[in-house]
Amino acid sequence: MAADTGLPAATISRWLDRGSAPSLWALGKLVGAYDAEVLLVILDHPPSWLMDEARRQERERIERQIATLRAQIEGGQ
């Protein structure tokens, strides 16, 4: 997470070990790195539009992975 967000590893460790919450600024970094998915984890009752957006982002990520695998197959790699 530290590499993806640029946040200090000690800060992330505090969140995980002590159950503390990220600041609004750090939350922005997390959303920037992990898109709508991070908000789904944080919110107790995410709105349907956010769930739809997270699904769309996941679909795009999977389609990119499929394209990469097809290119590897076609290239003989």
Protein backbone atom coordinates (compact mmCIF):
# COMPACT_ATOMS: atom_id res chain seq x y z
CA MET A 1 0.00 0.00 0.00
CA ALA A 2 2.85 2.36 0.80
CA ALA A 3 4.27 1.96 -2.71
CA ASP A 4 0.85 2.43 -4.33
CA THR A 5 -0.10 5.52 -2.32
CA GLY A 6 3.16 7.20 -1.34
CA LEU A 7 2.04 7.09 2.28
CA PRO A 8 4.52 6.04 5.00
CA ALA A 9 4.44 2.32 5.79
CA ALA A 10 4.32 3.17 9.51
CA THR A 11 1.08 5.09 8.99
CA ILE A 12 -0.53 2.18 7.18
CA SER A 13 0.68 -0.19 9.86
CA ARG A 14 -0.99 1.98 12.51
CA TRP A 15 -4.29 1.77 10.65
CA LEU A 16 -4.09 -2.00 10.46
CA ASP A 17 -2.63 -2.76 13.88
CA ARG A 18 -4.52 -0.27 16.00
CA GLY A 19 -7.70 0.12 14.07
CA SER A 20 -7.16 3.84 13.58
CA ALA A 21 -8.65 5.57 10.57
CA PRO A 22 -6.93 7.45 7.77
CA SER A 23 -7.23 11.21 7.56
CA LEU A 24 -9.25 12.73 4.74
CA TRP A 25 -6.00 13.52 2.90
CA ALA A 26 -4.79 9.90 3.26
CA LEU A 27 -8.21 8.63 2.19
CA GLY A 28 -7.81 10.67 -0.98
CA LYS A 29 -4.49 8.92 -1.60
CA LEU A 30 -6.14 5.53 -1.08
CA VAL A 31 -8.97 6.35 -3.48
CA GLY A 32 -6.43 7.60 -6.01
CA ALA A 33 -4.57 4.29 -5.81
CA TYR A 34 -7.47 1.86 -5.49
CA ASP A 35 -10.43 3.70 -7.05
CA ALA A 36 -13.98 3.08 -5.86
CA GLU A 37 -13.13 -0.27 -4.27
CA VAL A 38 -11.56 1.34 -1.21
CA LEU A 39 -14.76 3.28 -0.55
CA LEU A 40 -16.80 0.08 -0.68
CA VAL A 41 -14.64 -1.32 2.10
CA ILE A 42 -14.92 1.81 4.23
CA LEU A 43 -18.60 2.62 3.91
CA ASP A 44 -21.17 0.58 5.84
CA HIS A 45 -23.89 1.18 3.26
CA PRO A 46 -22.34 2.32 -0.02
CA PRO A 47 -24.73 3.87 -2.52
CA SER A 48 -25.69 1.80 -5.54
CA TRP A 49 -23.89 4.16 -7.94
CA LEU A 50 -20.64 3.50 -6.09
CA MET A 51 -21.16 -0.25 -6.28
CA ASP A 52 -21.85 0.07 -10.00
CA GLU A 53 -18.67 2.11 -10.48
CA ALA A 54 -16.58 -0.42 -8.57
CA ARG A 55 -17.96 -3.21 -10.79
CA ARG A 56 -17.18 -1.18 -13.91
CA GLN A 57 -13.62 -0.58 -12.74
CA GLU A 58 -13.16 -4.25 -11.92
CA ARG A 59 -14.48 -5.24 -15.35
CA GLU A 60 -12.01 -2.86 -17.03
CA ARG A 61 -9.14 -4.29 -14.98
CA ILE A 62 -10.09 -7.85 -15.91
CA GLU A 63 -10.43 -6.91 -19.59
CA ARG A 64 -6.91 -5.43 -19.50
CA GLN A 65 -5.62 -8.65 -17.95
CA ILE A 66 -7.34 -10.70 -20.66
CA ALA A 67 -5.83 -8.50 -23.36
CA THR A 68 -2.37 -8.97 -21.85
CA LEU A 69 -2.82 -12.73 -21.72
CA ARG A 70 -4.06 -12.84 -25.33
CA ALA A 71 -1.03 -10.84 -26.43
CA GLN A 72 1.24 -13.30 -24.61
CA ILE A 73 -0.47 -16.27 -26.25
CA GLU A 74 -0.34 -14.74 -29.71
CA GLY A 75 3.27 -13.69 -29.22
CA GLY A 76 4.24 -17.14 -28.07
CA GLN A 77 5.45 -15.86 -24.71
